[in-house]
N, C-alpha and C. Protein backbone atom coordinates (compact mmCIF):
# COMPACT_ATOMS: atom_id res chain seq x y z
N MET A 1 -15.21 3.14 25.15
CA MET A 1 -14.09 2.33 24.66
C MET A 1 -14.21 2.12 23.16
N GLN A 2 -13.09 2.11 22.52
CA GLN A 2 -13.08 1.94 21.08
C GLN A 2 -13.27 0.50 20.66
N THR A 3 -14.02 0.34 19.58
CA THR A 3 -14.24 -1.00 19.04
C THR A 3 -14.04 -0.97 17.53
N ILE A 4 -13.88 -2.13 16.95
CA ILE A 4 -13.77 -2.25 15.50
C ILE A 4 -15.03 -1.68 14.86
N GLU A 5 -16.18 -1.97 15.44
CA GLU A 5 -17.46 -1.50 14.91
C GLU A 5 -17.53 0.02 14.89
N ASN A 6 -17.09 0.67 15.98
CA ASN A 6 -17.10 2.14 16.05
C ASN A 6 -16.21 2.75 14.97
N ILE A 7 -15.04 2.19 14.80
CA ILE A 7 -14.11 2.71 13.80
C ILE A 7 -14.69 2.51 12.40
N ASN A 8 -15.26 1.34 12.15
CA ASN A 8 -15.87 1.09 10.84
C ASN A 8 -17.02 2.05 10.57
N LYS A 9 -17.81 2.38 11.58
CA LYS A 9 -18.90 3.35 11.42
C LYS A 9 -18.35 4.73 11.07
N THR A 10 -17.29 5.14 11.74
CA THR A 10 -16.67 6.42 11.44
C THR A 10 -16.18 6.45 9.99
N ILE A 11 -15.56 5.36 9.55
CA ILE A 11 -15.06 5.27 8.17
C ILE A 11 -16.22 5.33 7.17
N GLU A 12 -17.32 4.66 7.49
CA GLU A 12 -18.48 4.65 6.60
C GLU A 12 -19.17 6.01 6.51
N LYS A 13 -19.26 6.71 7.64
CA LYS A 13 -20.06 7.94 7.71
C LYS A 13 -19.30 9.20 7.30
N ASN A 14 -17.98 9.13 7.19
CA ASN A 14 -17.19 10.33 6.89
C ASN A 14 -16.38 10.14 5.62
N MET A 15 -16.23 11.23 4.86
CA MET A 15 -15.51 11.13 3.60
C MET A 15 -14.01 10.87 3.83
N ALA A 16 -13.45 11.50 4.85
CA ALA A 16 -12.01 11.38 5.09
C ALA A 16 -11.75 11.02 6.55
N VAL A 17 -11.03 9.91 6.75
CA VAL A 17 -10.74 9.43 8.11
C VAL A 17 -9.29 8.96 8.18
N MET A 18 -8.61 9.37 9.25
CA MET A 18 -7.29 8.82 9.54
C MET A 18 -7.42 8.00 10.82
N VAL A 19 -6.94 6.76 10.76
CA VAL A 19 -6.88 5.92 11.96
C VAL A 19 -5.41 5.86 12.36
N TYR A 20 -5.14 6.32 13.58
CA TYR A 20 -3.77 6.45 14.07
C TYR A 20 -3.53 5.40 15.16
N PHE A 21 -2.62 4.48 14.90
CA PHE A 21 -2.30 3.40 15.84
C PHE A 21 -1.04 3.76 16.60
N SER A 22 -1.11 3.70 17.93
CA SER A 22 0.05 4.03 18.75
C SER A 22 -0.04 3.27 20.07
N ALA A 23 0.94 3.51 20.93
CA ALA A 23 0.96 2.93 22.27
C ALA A 23 1.65 3.92 23.21
N PRO A 24 1.34 3.84 24.49
CA PRO A 24 1.94 4.77 25.46
C PRO A 24 3.46 4.70 25.51
N THR A 25 4.03 3.55 25.19
CA THR A 25 5.48 3.39 25.27
C THR A 25 6.22 3.86 24.02
N CYS A 26 5.49 4.35 23.03
CA CYS A 26 6.09 4.74 21.75
C CYS A 26 6.34 6.25 21.70
N ASN A 27 7.60 6.64 21.86
CA ASN A 27 7.95 8.06 21.83
C ASN A 27 7.71 8.70 20.47
N VAL A 28 8.01 7.97 19.41
CA VAL A 28 7.79 8.50 18.05
C VAL A 28 6.30 8.78 17.85
N CYS A 29 5.46 7.88 18.34
CA CYS A 29 4.01 8.06 18.23
C CYS A 29 3.57 9.39 18.83
N HIS A 30 4.08 9.69 20.02
CA HIS A 30 3.68 10.90 20.73
C HIS A 30 4.22 12.17 20.06
N ALA A 31 5.37 12.07 19.43
CA ALA A 31 5.94 13.23 18.74
C ALA A 31 5.24 13.48 17.41
N LEU A 32 4.87 12.41 16.73
CA LEU A 32 4.29 12.52 15.40
C LEU A 32 2.82 12.96 15.40
N LYS A 33 2.05 12.46 16.34
CA LYS A 33 0.61 12.69 16.31
C LYS A 33 0.21 14.17 16.29
N PRO A 34 0.73 15.02 17.19
CA PRO A 34 0.30 16.42 17.14
C PRO A 34 0.68 17.11 15.82
N LYS A 35 1.80 16.73 15.26
CA LYS A 35 2.22 17.32 13.98
C LYS A 35 1.27 16.90 12.86
N LEU A 36 0.89 15.63 12.86
CA LEU A 36 -0.06 15.14 11.85
C LEU A 36 -1.42 15.83 12.00
N LEU A 37 -1.91 15.92 13.22
CA LEU A 37 -3.21 16.55 13.45
C LEU A 37 -3.20 18.01 13.00
N GLU A 38 -2.14 18.71 13.31
CA GLU A 38 -2.01 20.11 12.91
C GLU A 38 -1.99 20.23 11.38
N ALA A 39 -1.25 19.36 10.72
CA ALA A 39 -1.16 19.39 9.25
C ALA A 39 -2.51 19.04 8.61
N LEU A 40 -3.22 18.08 9.17
CA LEU A 40 -4.55 17.74 8.65
C LEU A 40 -5.49 18.93 8.77
N ASP A 41 -5.49 19.59 9.93
CA ASP A 41 -6.34 20.77 10.14
C ASP A 41 -6.00 21.89 9.16
N ALA A 42 -4.71 22.07 8.91
CA ALA A 42 -4.28 23.16 8.04
C ALA A 42 -4.56 22.90 6.56
N ASN A 43 -4.63 21.63 6.16
CA ASN A 43 -4.73 21.30 4.74
C ASN A 43 -6.08 20.77 4.27
N PHE A 44 -6.91 20.33 5.20
CA PHE A 44 -8.17 19.70 4.81
C PHE A 44 -9.33 20.26 5.62
N ASP A 45 -10.47 20.42 4.96
CA ASP A 45 -11.65 20.97 5.62
C ASP A 45 -12.23 20.02 6.66
N ASP A 46 -12.33 18.76 6.28
CA ASP A 46 -13.09 17.83 7.10
C ASP A 46 -12.40 16.47 7.14
N PHE A 47 -11.67 16.25 8.21
CA PHE A 47 -10.94 14.99 8.36
C PHE A 47 -11.20 14.47 9.76
N LYS A 48 -11.79 13.32 9.89
CA LYS A 48 -12.01 12.71 11.20
C LYS A 48 -10.79 11.87 11.56
N VAL A 49 -10.45 11.86 12.84
CA VAL A 49 -9.30 11.09 13.30
C VAL A 49 -9.76 10.12 14.40
N GLU A 50 -9.40 8.88 14.23
CA GLU A 50 -9.62 7.85 15.25
C GLU A 50 -8.24 7.44 15.76
N SER A 51 -8.03 7.55 17.06
CA SER A 51 -6.75 7.14 17.66
C SER A 51 -6.95 5.80 18.36
N VAL A 52 -6.08 4.86 18.04
CA VAL A 52 -6.17 3.53 18.64
C VAL A 52 -4.91 3.27 19.48
N ASP A 53 -5.12 3.09 20.76
CA ASP A 53 -4.04 2.69 21.67
C ASP A 53 -4.01 1.17 21.65
N ILE A 54 -2.99 0.60 21.02
CA ILE A 54 -2.96 -0.85 20.84
C ILE A 54 -2.78 -1.60 22.16
N SER A 55 -2.36 -0.92 23.20
CA SER A 55 -2.22 -1.59 24.50
C SER A 55 -3.58 -1.75 25.18
N LYS A 56 -4.57 -0.93 24.81
CA LYS A 56 -5.90 -1.01 25.40
C LYS A 56 -6.87 -1.80 24.52
N SER A 57 -6.72 -1.66 23.22
CA SER A 57 -7.64 -2.30 22.28
C SER A 57 -6.84 -3.25 21.39
N GLU A 58 -6.48 -4.38 21.95
CA GLU A 58 -5.56 -5.29 21.29
C GLU A 58 -6.11 -5.96 20.04
N GLU A 59 -7.43 -6.06 19.91
CA GLU A 59 -8.01 -6.75 18.75
C GLU A 59 -8.13 -5.85 17.53
N ILE A 60 -8.06 -4.53 17.70
CA ILE A 60 -8.29 -3.61 16.58
C ILE A 60 -7.14 -3.62 15.57
N ALA A 61 -5.91 -3.54 16.04
CA ALA A 61 -4.76 -3.49 15.12
C ALA A 61 -4.70 -4.71 14.20
N PRO A 62 -4.79 -5.94 14.71
CA PRO A 62 -4.75 -7.09 13.80
C PRO A 62 -5.93 -7.10 12.80
N HIS A 63 -7.08 -6.59 13.23
CA HIS A 63 -8.23 -6.53 12.33
C HIS A 63 -7.90 -5.69 11.09
N PHE A 64 -7.13 -4.63 11.29
CA PHE A 64 -6.74 -3.74 10.19
C PHE A 64 -5.36 -4.11 9.62
N ASN A 65 -4.84 -5.28 9.99
CA ASN A 65 -3.51 -5.74 9.55
C ASN A 65 -2.41 -4.75 9.90
N VAL A 66 -2.46 -4.24 11.11
CA VAL A 66 -1.44 -3.32 11.61
C VAL A 66 -0.61 -4.08 12.64
N PHE A 67 0.71 -4.12 12.38
CA PHE A 67 1.60 -4.88 13.26
C PHE A 67 2.82 -4.09 13.71
N ALA A 68 2.83 -2.78 13.42
CA ALA A 68 3.93 -1.90 13.84
C ALA A 68 3.32 -0.55 14.22
N ILE A 69 4.00 0.16 15.10
CA ILE A 69 3.54 1.50 15.47
C ILE A 69 4.68 2.50 15.35
N PRO A 70 4.40 3.75 15.07
CA PRO A 70 3.08 4.24 14.70
C PRO A 70 2.70 3.79 13.28
N THR A 71 1.41 3.61 13.09
CA THR A 71 0.86 3.33 11.77
C THR A 71 -0.34 4.23 11.57
N ILE A 72 -0.45 4.78 10.36
CA ILE A 72 -1.65 5.53 10.01
C ILE A 72 -2.31 4.87 8.81
N LEU A 73 -3.62 4.85 8.85
CA LEU A 73 -4.42 4.42 7.71
C LEU A 73 -5.30 5.60 7.34
N ILE A 74 -5.30 5.96 6.08
CA ILE A 74 -6.17 7.04 5.63
C ILE A 74 -7.21 6.45 4.70
N PHE A 75 -8.46 6.67 5.08
CA PHE A 75 -9.60 6.20 4.30
C PHE A 75 -10.28 7.39 3.66
N LEU A 76 -10.52 7.29 2.36
CA LEU A 76 -11.28 8.31 1.64
C LEU A 76 -12.48 7.62 1.01
N ASP A 77 -13.64 8.16 1.31
CA ASP A 77 -14.88 7.60 0.79
C ASP A 77 -15.02 6.11 1.13
N GLY A 78 -14.59 5.75 2.34
CA GLY A 78 -14.74 4.38 2.82
C GLY A 78 -13.68 3.39 2.37
N LYS A 79 -12.73 3.84 1.56
CA LYS A 79 -11.70 2.94 1.05
C LYS A 79 -10.33 3.36 1.57
N GLU A 80 -9.51 2.37 1.89
CA GLU A 80 -8.15 2.67 2.35
C GLU A 80 -7.32 3.19 1.18
N PHE A 81 -6.78 4.40 1.34
CA PHE A 81 -5.96 5.00 0.29
C PHE A 81 -4.48 5.00 0.65
N ILE A 82 -4.19 5.20 1.92
CA ILE A 82 -2.79 5.33 2.33
C ILE A 82 -2.58 4.52 3.61
N ARG A 83 -1.42 3.86 3.65
CA ARG A 83 -1.00 3.10 4.83
C ARG A 83 0.48 3.42 5.02
N LYS A 84 0.81 3.97 6.17
CA LYS A 84 2.20 4.31 6.49
C LYS A 84 2.53 3.77 7.86
N SER A 85 3.71 3.19 7.99
CA SER A 85 4.17 2.70 9.28
C SER A 85 5.58 3.21 9.57
N ARG A 86 5.82 3.40 10.85
CA ARG A 86 7.13 3.77 11.39
C ARG A 86 7.72 5.02 10.76
N ASN A 87 8.51 4.88 9.72
CA ASN A 87 9.22 6.03 9.15
C ASN A 87 8.34 6.74 8.12
N MET A 88 7.80 7.88 8.54
CA MET A 88 6.97 8.66 7.63
C MET A 88 7.16 10.12 7.97
N SER A 89 7.00 10.96 6.98
CA SER A 89 7.06 12.39 7.25
C SER A 89 5.65 12.95 7.11
N VAL A 90 5.39 13.99 7.86
CA VAL A 90 4.09 14.64 7.81
C VAL A 90 3.84 15.18 6.40
N ASP A 91 4.87 15.80 5.80
CA ASP A 91 4.73 16.35 4.45
C ASP A 91 4.37 15.27 3.44
N GLU A 92 4.99 14.13 3.56
CA GLU A 92 4.72 13.00 2.67
C GLU A 92 3.25 12.56 2.79
N VAL A 93 2.75 12.44 4.00
CA VAL A 93 1.37 12.03 4.22
C VAL A 93 0.41 13.05 3.61
N ILE A 94 0.66 14.33 3.86
CA ILE A 94 -0.22 15.38 3.33
C ILE A 94 -0.18 15.39 1.81
N ARG A 95 1.00 15.32 1.25
CA ARG A 95 1.17 15.35 -0.21
C ARG A 95 0.43 14.18 -0.87
N GLU A 96 0.56 12.99 -0.31
CA GLU A 96 -0.08 11.82 -0.91
C GLU A 96 -1.60 11.82 -0.71
N THR A 97 -2.07 12.53 0.28
CA THR A 97 -3.50 12.57 0.56
C THR A 97 -4.21 13.66 -0.23
N LYS A 98 -3.51 14.74 -0.49
CA LYS A 98 -4.12 15.94 -1.05
C LYS A 98 -4.88 15.70 -2.36
N ARG A 99 -4.24 15.06 -3.32
CA ARG A 99 -4.86 14.90 -4.64
C ARG A 99 -6.12 14.05 -4.58
N PRO A 100 -6.07 12.82 -4.02
CA PRO A 100 -7.31 12.05 -3.96
C PRO A 100 -8.40 12.73 -3.13
N TYR A 101 -8.00 13.45 -2.07
CA TYR A 101 -8.96 14.17 -1.24
C TYR A 101 -9.67 15.24 -2.07
N GLU A 102 -8.90 16.02 -2.82
CA GLU A 102 -9.48 17.07 -3.66
C GLU A 102 -10.43 16.51 -4.69
N ILE A 103 -10.07 15.37 -5.30
CA ILE A 103 -10.93 14.74 -6.29
C ILE A 103 -12.25 14.29 -5.64
N MET A 104 -12.17 13.73 -4.43
CA MET A 104 -13.36 13.25 -3.74
C MET A 104 -14.29 14.39 -3.35
N LYS A 105 -13.71 15.55 -3.02
CA LYS A 105 -14.51 16.69 -2.57
C LYS A 105 -15.37 17.28 -3.69
N LYS A 106 -14.97 17.04 -4.92
CA LYS A 106 -15.70 17.66 -6.06
C LYS A 106 -17.02 17.01 -6.32
C-alpha cells in the first residue's frame, strides 16, 4: 500500500519523479495516464512514476495539497517543479519539464 513516506522516499532517491493523482471514477484520469507515461518514456531516460488512487489513500492528496483530479506533480532533484490539475496537455507537460530536466542531467 502506498504511503506518504514511500512517495517521499521515491522523490528523495530519484532525480525525476512524477506523482499522478487519480481515482477510479475519473474518466479523464484513465485517458490521460497512458499518454503521459508514453510521452515520459519517449522523452526522458529516467523518470519514476508514483500513481496515487485518492479513493484508497485518502491522506496522501491533502499532504501534497492536491484537491482536484487528475493532478500531476513533477519533482526534479527532490523539488517540486511542475503542478498541473485537470486541464493539461501531454505536450505542455513534456515541454515544461524538458529544459529543467536537461539541466539537472548535466
